[in-house]
Each structure stands twice: as structure tokens, then as C-alpha cells.
N, C-alpha and C. Protein backbone atom coordinates (compact mmCIF):
# COMPACT_ATOMS: atom_id res chain seq x y z
N MET A 1 7.61 2.57 17.63
CA MET A 1 7.40 1.93 16.12
C MET A 1 5.85 1.66 15.96
N GLY A 2 5.57 1.94 14.87
CA GLY A 2 4.00 1.55 14.51
C GLY A 2 4.00 0.37 13.68
N LEU A 3 2.67 0.18 13.17
CA LEU A 3 2.49 -0.98 12.43
C LEU A 3 3.06 -1.07 11.29
N ASP A 4 3.27 0.00 10.46
CA ASP A 4 3.90 0.23 9.23
C ASP A 4 5.37 -0.08 9.37
N ASP A 5 5.90 0.27 10.34
CA ASP A 5 7.50 0.12 10.64
C ASP A 5 7.59 -1.50 10.90
N PHE A 6 6.71 -2.16 11.60
CA PHE A 6 6.92 -3.30 11.99
C PHE A 6 6.62 -4.30 10.74
N THR A 7 5.52 -4.03 9.77
CA THR A 7 5.20 -4.78 8.66
C THR A 7 6.19 -4.74 7.70
N ARG A 8 6.92 -3.64 7.41
CA ARG A 8 7.95 -3.63 6.49
C ARG A 8 9.05 -4.43 6.69
N ARG A 9 9.21 -4.99 7.93
CA ARG A 9 10.32 -5.92 8.34
C ARG A 9 9.90 -7.45 8.59
N GLN A 10 8.72 -7.44 8.76
CA GLN A 10 8.21 -8.76 9.37
C GLN A 10 6.90 -9.38 8.43
N GLY A 11 6.62 -10.50 8.74
CA GLY A 11 5.40 -11.18 8.37
C GLY A 11 4.31 -11.49 9.49
N ALA A 12 3.37 -12.09 9.14
CA ALA A 12 2.27 -12.33 10.10
C ALA A 12 1.62 -13.36 9.95
N LEU A 13 1.67 -14.36 11.08
CA LEU A 13 0.78 -15.50 11.00
C LEU A 13 -0.18 -15.46 11.98
N ILE A 14 -1.37 -15.47 11.20
CA ILE A 14 -2.70 -15.27 11.96
C ILE A 14 -3.71 -16.63 11.91
N THR A 15 -4.24 -16.92 12.98
CA THR A 15 -4.82 -18.18 13.04
C THR A 15 -6.34 -17.69 13.04
N GLY A 16 -7.14 -18.52 12.37
CA GLY A 16 -8.54 -18.19 12.25
C GLY A 16 -8.84 -17.13 11.26
N GLY A 17 -8.08 -16.92 10.12
CA GLY A 17 -8.09 -15.61 9.32
C GLY A 17 -9.17 -15.58 8.25
N SER A 18 -10.11 -16.47 8.21
CA SER A 18 -11.23 -16.60 7.23
C SER A 18 -12.38 -15.76 7.63
N ARG A 19 -12.36 -15.36 8.91
CA ARG A 19 -13.62 -14.83 9.49
C ARG A 19 -13.21 -13.83 10.68
N GLY A 20 -14.25 -12.84 10.79
CA GLY A 20 -14.27 -12.07 11.76
C GLY A 20 -13.02 -11.20 11.97
N ILE A 21 -12.52 -11.19 13.26
CA ILE A 21 -11.46 -10.40 13.48
C ILE A 21 -10.20 -10.94 12.86
N GLY A 22 -9.95 -12.32 12.79
CA GLY A 22 -8.92 -12.80 11.93
C GLY A 22 -8.82 -12.40 10.57
N ALA A 23 -9.91 -12.36 9.85
CA ALA A 23 -9.96 -11.63 8.41
C ALA A 23 -9.73 -10.33 8.45
N ALA A 24 -10.20 -9.55 9.31
CA ALA A 24 -9.87 -8.18 9.49
C ALA A 24 -8.53 -7.84 9.65
N ALA A 25 -7.77 -8.75 10.46
CA ALA A 25 -6.17 -8.80 10.87
C ALA A 25 -5.53 -9.09 9.46
N VAL A 26 -5.89 -9.93 8.88
CA VAL A 26 -5.33 -10.34 7.71
C VAL A 26 -4.97 -9.22 6.48
N LYS A 27 -6.27 -8.51 6.43
CA LYS A 27 -6.41 -7.39 5.50
C LYS A 27 -5.69 -6.27 5.93
N LEU A 28 -5.68 -5.97 7.19
CA LEU A 28 -4.91 -4.83 7.76
C LEU A 28 -3.25 -5.07 7.61
N PHE A 29 -2.93 -6.17 8.07
CA PHE A 29 -1.44 -6.45 7.89
C PHE A 29 -1.01 -6.59 6.42
N ALA A 30 -1.81 -7.13 5.45
CA ALA A 30 -1.34 -6.95 4.17
C ALA A 30 -1.48 -5.57 3.62
N GLN A 31 -2.41 -4.60 4.02
CA GLN A 31 -2.56 -3.34 3.73
C GLN A 31 -1.20 -2.47 4.14
N ALA A 32 -0.80 -2.88 5.27
CA ALA A 32 0.34 -2.19 5.82
C ALA A 32 1.67 -2.70 5.17
N GLY A 33 1.68 -3.71 4.50
CA GLY A 33 2.81 -4.24 3.74
C GLY A 33 3.44 -5.49 4.26
N ALA A 34 2.73 -6.30 5.02
CA ALA A 34 3.28 -7.38 5.55
C ALA A 34 2.87 -8.59 4.58
N ASP A 35 3.84 -9.47 4.59
CA ASP A 35 3.46 -11.03 4.05
C ASP A 35 2.52 -11.61 4.99
N VAL A 36 1.51 -12.24 4.76
CA VAL A 36 0.76 -12.88 5.71
C VAL A 36 0.38 -14.34 5.36
N VAL A 37 0.67 -15.05 6.39
CA VAL A 37 0.08 -16.54 6.28
C VAL A 37 -0.99 -16.75 7.40
N PHE A 38 -2.14 -17.24 6.77
CA PHE A 38 -3.11 -17.48 7.84
C PHE A 38 -3.96 -18.85 7.63
N SER A 39 -4.39 -19.25 8.77
CA SER A 39 -5.02 -20.69 8.76
C SER A 39 -6.51 -20.43 8.92
N TYR A 40 -7.25 -21.44 8.49
CA TYR A 40 -8.66 -21.53 8.55
C TYR A 40 -9.05 -23.26 8.91
N VAL A 41 -10.22 -23.58 9.17
CA VAL A 41 -10.43 -24.98 9.50
C VAL A 41 -11.44 -25.48 8.54
N LYS A 42 -12.69 -24.66 8.43
CA LYS A 42 -13.68 -25.33 7.54
C LYS A 42 -14.08 -24.37 6.51
N ALA A 43 -13.85 -23.06 6.62
CA ALA A 43 -14.36 -21.96 5.74
C ALA A 43 -13.60 -21.83 4.52
N LYS A 44 -13.31 -22.75 3.68
CA LYS A 44 -12.25 -22.59 2.45
C LYS A 44 -12.59 -21.54 1.60
N ASP A 45 -14.01 -21.48 1.20
CA ASP A 45 -14.33 -20.40 0.19
C ASP A 45 -14.09 -19.08 0.74
N ALA A 46 -14.34 -18.87 2.08
CA ALA A 46 -14.21 -17.59 2.79
C ALA A 46 -12.77 -17.23 2.69
N ALA A 47 -11.83 -18.26 3.07
CA ALA A 47 -10.40 -18.21 3.21
C ALA A 47 -9.97 -17.71 1.91
N LEU A 48 -10.21 -18.36 0.91
CA LEU A 48 -9.66 -18.09 -0.46
C LEU A 48 -10.13 -16.69 -0.97
N GLN A 49 -11.27 -16.24 -0.49
CA GLN A 49 -11.71 -14.81 -0.81
C GLN A 49 -11.04 -13.76 -0.14
N ILE A 50 -10.67 -13.89 1.11
CA ILE A 50 -9.82 -13.11 1.99
C ILE A 50 -8.37 -13.02 1.45
N GLN A 51 -7.89 -14.16 0.96
CA GLN A 51 -6.57 -14.30 0.37
C GLN A 51 -6.62 -13.31 -0.90
N GLN A 52 -7.64 -13.61 -1.80
CA GLN A 52 -7.52 -12.69 -2.98
C GLN A 52 -7.61 -11.36 -2.61
N GLU A 53 -8.49 -10.88 -1.65
CA GLU A 53 -8.78 -9.57 -1.49
C GLU A 53 -7.38 -8.98 -0.82
N ALA A 54 -6.99 -9.55 0.09
CA ALA A 54 -5.87 -9.07 0.88
C ALA A 54 -4.55 -9.12 -0.15
N GLY A 55 -4.36 -9.95 -0.99
CA GLY A 55 -3.22 -9.88 -1.91
C GLY A 55 -3.16 -8.98 -2.78
N LYS A 56 -4.34 -8.07 -2.96
CA LYS A 56 -4.52 -6.97 -3.98
C LYS A 56 -3.54 -5.82 -3.42
N HIS A 57 -2.96 -5.86 -2.20
CA HIS A 57 -1.91 -4.91 -1.68
C HIS A 57 -0.76 -5.19 -2.21
N GLY A 58 -0.47 -6.08 -2.92
CA GLY A 58 0.95 -6.38 -3.61
C GLY A 58 1.84 -7.27 -2.47
N THR A 59 1.23 -7.86 -1.46
CA THR A 59 2.03 -8.51 -0.64
C THR A 59 1.78 -10.04 -0.80
N ARG A 60 2.37 -11.05 0.00
CA ARG A 60 2.16 -12.33 -0.18
C ARG A 60 1.32 -12.92 0.86
N VAL A 61 0.07 -13.36 0.49
CA VAL A 61 -0.96 -13.81 1.26
C VAL A 61 -1.25 -15.05 0.98
N GLU A 62 -1.08 -16.01 2.01
CA GLU A 62 -1.63 -17.50 1.66
C GLU A 62 -2.35 -17.95 2.88
N ALA A 63 -3.33 -18.83 2.55
CA ALA A 63 -4.31 -19.63 3.49
C ALA A 63 -3.93 -21.01 3.37
N PHE A 64 -3.88 -21.46 4.69
CA PHE A 64 -3.61 -22.85 4.83
C PHE A 64 -4.74 -23.61 5.67
N LYS A 65 -5.32 -24.73 5.39
CA LYS A 65 -6.32 -25.43 6.15
C LYS A 65 -5.45 -26.13 7.34
N ALA A 66 -5.71 -25.58 8.56
CA ALA A 66 -5.00 -26.19 9.81
C ALA A 66 -5.78 -26.02 10.95
N ASP A 67 -5.85 -26.92 11.74
CA ASP A 67 -6.54 -27.04 13.00
C ASP A 67 -5.32 -26.65 14.10
N VAL A 68 -5.30 -25.40 14.51
CA VAL A 68 -4.07 -25.09 15.45
C VAL A 68 -4.19 -25.46 16.58
N GLY A 69 -5.16 -26.38 16.78
CA GLY A 69 -5.28 -27.03 18.23
C GLY A 69 -4.38 -28.29 18.07
N LYS A 70 -4.00 -28.51 17.03
CA LYS A 70 -3.05 -29.87 16.95
C LYS A 70 -1.56 -29.40 16.54
N HIS A 71 -0.85 -29.71 17.72
CA HIS A 71 0.61 -29.62 17.75
C HIS A 71 1.51 -29.49 16.42
N ALA A 72 1.34 -30.66 15.82
CA ALA A 72 2.12 -31.05 14.62
C ALA A 72 1.91 -29.91 13.72
N ILE A 73 0.67 -29.59 13.43
CA ILE A 73 0.32 -28.74 12.32
C ILE A 73 0.89 -27.16 12.61
N ILE A 74 0.98 -26.85 13.95
CA ILE A 74 1.50 -25.64 14.39
C ILE A 74 3.01 -25.59 14.09
N LYS A 75 3.65 -26.72 14.48
CA LYS A 75 5.15 -26.83 14.16
C LYS A 75 5.52 -26.66 12.74
N ASN A 76 4.61 -27.24 11.85
CA ASN A 76 4.77 -27.12 10.31
C ASN A 76 4.50 -25.67 9.89
N LEU A 77 3.47 -25.01 10.24
CA LEU A 77 3.36 -23.49 9.86
C LEU A 77 4.34 -22.71 10.35
N SER A 78 4.95 -22.91 11.64
CA SER A 78 5.87 -21.87 12.13
C SER A 78 7.36 -22.26 11.43
N SER A 79 7.62 -23.44 11.07
CA SER A 79 8.84 -23.53 10.32
C SER A 79 8.73 -23.36 8.82
N THR A 80 7.72 -22.91 8.16
CA THR A 80 7.53 -22.68 6.82
C THR A 80 8.44 -21.49 6.50
N PRO A 81 9.43 -21.61 5.43
CA PRO A 81 10.28 -20.38 5.12
C PRO A 81 9.59 -19.31 4.80
N SER A 82 10.32 -18.07 5.24
CA SER A 82 9.67 -16.99 4.73
C SER A 82 10.15 -16.59 3.42
N PRO A 83 9.28 -15.68 2.73
CA PRO A 83 9.66 -15.44 1.29
C PRO A 83 10.96 -14.65 1.06
N GLY A 84 11.65 -14.62 0.11
CA GLY A 84 12.85 -13.85 -0.15
C GLY A 84 13.96 -14.27 0.47
């Protein structure tokens, strides 16, 4: 099963998606057809830019300000209902 097979049935939750490897992962998953939720801590402008760029692939892409080092925030992100 390749990335395309996985992403047609799943979504992705990516931490640190506004920069570097995380931003590349957001774009790659969205390009492959996955809905993507990603977090950022401080780089709001960069996160919104990544959200806009990745969303051009026709999938749902959402950025959330969250310090994933805090347990309660992780619980809220992981319990967010999936689209559809």
C-alpha cells in the first residue's frame, strides 16, 4: 500500500506543520489527497500560507495554534471529528 492508497482513506495530523519538514509533509499529504490538520506554535502567518497552498489540491487543510507539549491540547486535536 503506497501513500496514495493510504491518503484516499485517511487524514493526517501533523505537528509543527508551519515550517521545515512539517510544512513539506502537509503539502505532500494534501497533494496525495488526504485531509490534513496541522499545528503551529508561533508562526501564524507561515501556517496560514501553508494552509492556503496545500488547500489548492482540493482537500481540507486546517491549521491550529497548539503547543502539543500540553496534554489537554493533544486530546482536543485528536478528538476533533473528521470531515464527512
